N, C-alpha and C. Protein backbone atom coordinates (compact mmCIF):
# COMPACT_ATOMS: atom_id res chain seq x y z
N MET A 1 70.61 21.61 -170.11
CA MET A 1 71.40 20.35 -170.04
C MET A 1 71.80 20.25 -171.48
N ARG A 2 73.19 19.90 -171.68
CA ARG A 2 73.82 19.77 -173.01
C ARG A 2 73.29 18.64 -173.76
N THR A 3 73.11 18.79 -175.04
CA THR A 3 72.74 17.72 -176.03
C THR A 3 73.91 17.44 -177.01
N VAL A 4 74.24 16.23 -177.18
CA VAL A 4 75.35 15.76 -177.97
C VAL A 4 74.69 14.79 -179.03
N ASN A 5 75.18 14.82 -180.25
CA ASN A 5 74.67 13.78 -181.17
C ASN A 5 75.35 12.42 -180.89
N MET A 6 74.92 11.36 -181.54
CA MET A 6 75.38 9.98 -181.32
C MET A 6 76.94 9.94 -181.62
N HIS A 7 77.24 10.49 -182.73
CA HIS A 7 78.69 10.43 -183.03
C HIS A 7 79.65 11.20 -182.09
N GLN A 8 79.25 12.36 -181.68
CA GLN A 8 80.00 13.13 -180.61
C GLN A 8 79.97 12.20 -179.35
N ALA A 9 78.93 11.64 -179.13
CA ALA A 9 78.92 10.88 -177.76
C ALA A 9 79.96 9.58 -177.81
N LYS A 10 79.84 8.87 -179.01
CA LYS A 10 80.87 7.67 -179.25
C LYS A 10 82.36 8.27 -179.24
N THR A 11 82.59 9.34 -179.80
CA THR A 11 83.88 9.91 -179.94
C THR A 11 84.44 10.38 -178.62
N HIS A 12 83.66 11.06 -177.78
CA HIS A 12 83.97 11.67 -176.55
C HIS A 12 83.47 11.10 -175.25
N LEU A 13 83.16 9.73 -175.37
CA LEU A 13 82.45 9.10 -174.27
C LEU A 13 83.09 9.34 -172.94
N SER A 14 84.34 8.96 -172.85
CA SER A 14 85.08 9.07 -171.54
C SER A 14 85.04 10.57 -170.97
N ARG A 15 85.28 11.61 -171.82
CA ARG A 15 85.11 12.88 -171.38
C ARG A 15 83.72 13.18 -170.87
N LEU A 16 82.70 12.84 -171.62
CA LEU A 16 81.33 13.15 -171.37
C LEU A 16 80.91 12.54 -170.05
N VAL A 17 81.33 11.20 -169.87
CA VAL A 17 80.99 10.47 -168.50
C VAL A 17 81.70 11.11 -167.44
N ASP A 18 83.02 11.50 -167.58
CA ASP A 18 83.71 12.25 -166.55
C ASP A 18 82.90 13.50 -166.06
N ARG A 19 82.58 14.23 -167.01
CA ARG A 19 81.83 15.50 -166.60
C ARG A 19 80.53 15.16 -166.09
N ALA A 20 79.73 14.11 -166.56
CA ALA A 20 78.48 13.79 -165.97
C ALA A 20 78.64 13.36 -164.56
N SER A 21 79.67 12.58 -164.16
CA SER A 21 79.96 12.10 -162.80
C SER A 21 80.19 13.18 -161.97
N LYS A 22 80.51 14.38 -162.54
CA LYS A 22 80.73 15.56 -161.59
C LYS A 22 79.52 16.50 -161.50
N GLY A 23 78.44 16.01 -162.04
CA GLY A 23 77.26 16.68 -162.04
C GLY A 23 76.64 17.29 -163.33
N GLU A 24 77.43 17.34 -164.39
CA GLU A 24 76.97 17.78 -165.76
C GLU A 24 76.29 16.72 -166.57
N GLY A 25 75.16 16.50 -166.29
CA GLY A 25 74.43 15.49 -167.14
C GLY A 25 74.32 15.87 -168.57
N PHE A 26 74.05 14.98 -169.45
CA PHE A 26 73.89 15.43 -170.94
C PHE A 26 72.87 14.45 -171.62
N ILE A 27 72.43 14.88 -172.77
CA ILE A 27 71.46 14.10 -173.47
C ILE A 27 72.00 13.68 -174.81
N ILE A 28 71.85 12.38 -175.25
CA ILE A 28 72.28 11.99 -176.38
C ILE A 28 71.17 11.92 -177.42
N ALA A 29 71.39 12.45 -178.54
CA ALA A 29 70.37 12.65 -179.68
C ALA A 29 70.78 11.89 -180.93
N ARG A 30 69.77 11.37 -181.67
CA ARG A 30 70.04 10.85 -183.02
C ARG A 30 69.15 11.61 -183.93
N ALA A 31 69.86 12.22 -184.85
CA ALA A 31 69.06 13.06 -185.92
C ALA A 31 68.22 14.15 -185.35
N GLY A 32 68.83 14.66 -184.19
CA GLY A 32 68.23 15.79 -183.39
C GLY A 32 67.11 15.34 -182.50
N LYS A 33 66.75 14.11 -182.44
CA LYS A 33 65.65 13.55 -181.49
C LYS A 33 66.42 13.10 -180.25
N PRO A 34 66.15 13.69 -179.10
CA PRO A 34 66.60 13.24 -177.81
C PRO A 34 66.28 11.72 -177.64
N LEU A 35 67.31 10.92 -177.24
CA LEU A 35 66.95 9.57 -176.96
C LEU A 35 67.16 9.18 -175.42
N VAL A 36 68.37 9.56 -174.81
CA VAL A 36 68.62 9.26 -173.53
C VAL A 36 69.28 10.41 -172.71
N LYS A 37 69.06 10.33 -171.49
CA LYS A 37 69.76 11.34 -170.55
C LYS A 37 70.74 10.63 -169.70
N VAL A 38 71.87 11.19 -169.65
CA VAL A 38 72.95 10.52 -168.81
C VAL A 38 73.15 11.48 -167.59
N VAL A 39 72.87 10.99 -166.45
CA VAL A 39 73.10 11.74 -165.17
C VAL A 39 73.92 11.01 -164.21
N PRO A 40 74.59 11.59 -163.23
CA PRO A 40 75.31 10.84 -162.21
C PRO A 40 74.46 10.08 -161.28
N ILE A 41 74.84 8.92 -160.88
CA ILE A 41 74.16 8.07 -159.88
C ILE A 41 74.38 8.69 -158.50
N GLU A 42 73.37 8.79 -157.72
CA GLU A 42 73.51 9.32 -156.29
C GLU A 42 74.17 8.25 -155.52
N PRO A 43 75.14 8.53 -154.65
CA PRO A 43 75.66 7.53 -153.82
C PRO A 43 74.55 6.87 -153.01
N ARG A 44 74.67 5.58 -152.82
CA ARG A 44 73.83 4.77 -152.04
C ARG A 44 73.67 5.20 -150.62
N ASP A 45 74.78 5.55 -150.04
CA ASP A 45 74.84 5.96 -148.54
C ASP A 45 73.98 7.26 -148.48
N ALA A 46 74.09 8.21 -149.36
CA ALA A 46 73.48 9.45 -149.24
C ALA A 46 72.01 9.28 -149.37
N ALA A 47 71.51 8.23 -150.23
CA ALA A 47 70.07 8.17 -150.39
C ALA A 47 69.34 7.59 -149.26
N LEU A 48 69.97 6.67 -148.39
CA LEU A 48 69.33 6.02 -147.28
C LEU A 48 70.22 6.22 -146.04
N PRO A 49 69.90 7.29 -145.32
CA PRO A 49 70.68 7.37 -144.06
C PRO A 49 70.46 6.28 -143.17
N ARG A 50 71.55 5.84 -142.48
CA ARG A 50 71.42 4.75 -141.58
C ARG A 50 71.32 5.15 -140.15
N ARG A 51 70.26 4.63 -139.47
CA ARG A 51 69.95 5.07 -138.07
C ARG A 51 70.14 3.84 -137.18
N LEU A 52 71.30 3.61 -136.69
CA LEU A 52 71.75 2.45 -135.96
C LEU A 52 71.17 2.76 -134.46
N GLY A 53 70.58 1.75 -133.91
CA GLY A 53 70.16 1.68 -132.56
C GLY A 53 68.96 2.45 -132.19
N PHE A 54 68.21 2.90 -133.19
CA PHE A 54 66.91 3.63 -132.93
C PHE A 54 65.89 2.93 -132.18
N LEU A 55 65.95 1.52 -132.15
CA LEU A 55 64.91 0.77 -131.44
C LEU A 55 65.50 0.09 -130.25
N ALA A 56 66.60 0.52 -129.80
CA ALA A 56 67.26 -0.07 -128.65
C ALA A 56 66.29 -0.08 -127.36
N GLY A 57 66.18 -1.20 -126.79
CA GLY A 57 65.21 -1.28 -125.79
C GLY A 57 63.69 -1.53 -126.04
N GLU A 58 63.35 -1.28 -127.37
CA GLU A 58 62.09 -1.34 -127.78
C GLU A 58 61.56 -2.81 -128.13
N ILE A 59 62.49 -3.56 -128.77
CA ILE A 59 62.20 -4.92 -129.20
C ILE A 59 63.02 -6.04 -128.61
N LYS A 60 62.58 -7.18 -128.56
CA LYS A 60 63.41 -8.27 -128.04
C LYS A 60 63.38 -9.42 -129.08
N VAL A 61 64.57 -9.86 -129.37
CA VAL A 61 64.73 -10.99 -130.33
C VAL A 61 64.64 -12.23 -129.56
N PRO A 62 63.67 -13.22 -129.77
CA PRO A 62 63.54 -14.45 -129.15
C PRO A 62 64.82 -15.21 -129.09
N ASP A 63 65.17 -16.06 -128.10
CA ASP A 63 66.35 -16.97 -128.22
C ASP A 63 66.38 -17.88 -129.31
N ASP A 64 65.15 -18.43 -129.68
CA ASP A 64 65.08 -19.25 -130.76
C ASP A 64 64.80 -18.73 -132.21
N PHE A 65 65.20 -17.53 -132.33
CA PHE A 65 64.95 -16.79 -133.63
C PHE A 65 65.24 -17.50 -134.79
N ASP A 66 66.59 -18.03 -134.74
CA ASP A 66 67.00 -18.76 -135.95
C ASP A 66 66.44 -20.03 -136.17
N ARG A 67 65.60 -20.60 -135.32
CA ARG A 67 64.77 -21.86 -135.49
C ARG A 67 63.35 -21.62 -135.73
N MET A 68 62.90 -20.38 -135.63
CA MET A 68 61.48 -20.07 -135.74
C MET A 68 60.97 -20.68 -137.10
N GLY A 69 59.76 -21.36 -136.98
CA GLY A 69 59.22 -21.83 -138.20
C GLY A 69 59.98 -23.08 -138.81
N GLN A 70 60.91 -23.54 -138.09
CA GLN A 70 61.77 -24.63 -138.73
C GLN A 70 60.95 -25.94 -139.01
N ASP A 71 60.03 -26.33 -138.15
CA ASP A 71 59.12 -27.43 -138.41
C ASP A 71 58.26 -27.26 -139.64
N GLU A 72 57.73 -26.15 -139.82
CA GLU A 72 56.87 -25.81 -140.96
C GLU A 72 57.79 -25.80 -142.29
N ILE A 73 58.95 -25.18 -142.24
CA ILE A 73 59.94 -25.28 -143.29
C ILE A 73 60.21 -26.66 -143.76
N GLU A 74 60.58 -27.47 -142.85
CA GLU A 74 61.00 -28.83 -143.02
C GLU A 74 59.88 -29.61 -143.53
N ARG A 75 58.60 -29.38 -143.06
CA ARG A 75 57.44 -30.04 -143.47
C ARG A 75 57.07 -29.70 -145.10
N GLN A 76 57.25 -28.52 -145.42
CA GLN A 76 57.10 -27.99 -146.69
C GLN A 76 58.01 -28.40 -147.73
N PHE A 77 59.27 -28.54 -147.38
CA PHE A 77 60.32 -28.93 -148.26
C PHE A 77 60.72 -30.37 -148.07
N GLY A 78 60.04 -31.16 -147.34
CA GLY A 78 60.22 -32.60 -147.09
C GLY A 78 61.59 -32.99 -146.57
N VAL A 79 62.15 -32.15 -145.72
CA VAL A 79 63.43 -32.23 -145.11
C VAL A 79 63.18 -33.02 -143.83
N ARG A 80 64.07 -33.99 -143.58
CA ARG A 80 64.07 -34.86 -142.33
C ARG A 80 65.33 -34.60 -141.57
N SER A 81 65.13 -34.19 -140.26
CA SER A 81 66.42 -33.91 -139.55
C SER A 81 66.88 -35.20 -138.92
């Protein structure tokens, strides 16, 4: 992984970030001491595959789902209907 000093990083930040976003991470150092590593962020969609419908027919949502626990919530927060 490429190491650049602080001055180089400030001077060429756009270019360095562009390369990092394409997979070429880099390390920023001060006085030769590594401080931070810059790497691309993995896309959120790639990290967590979505599996729609995998519980179809396995669960049933009650008709009063949106009102479940309403009495308890109103009691705790002092809400009067």
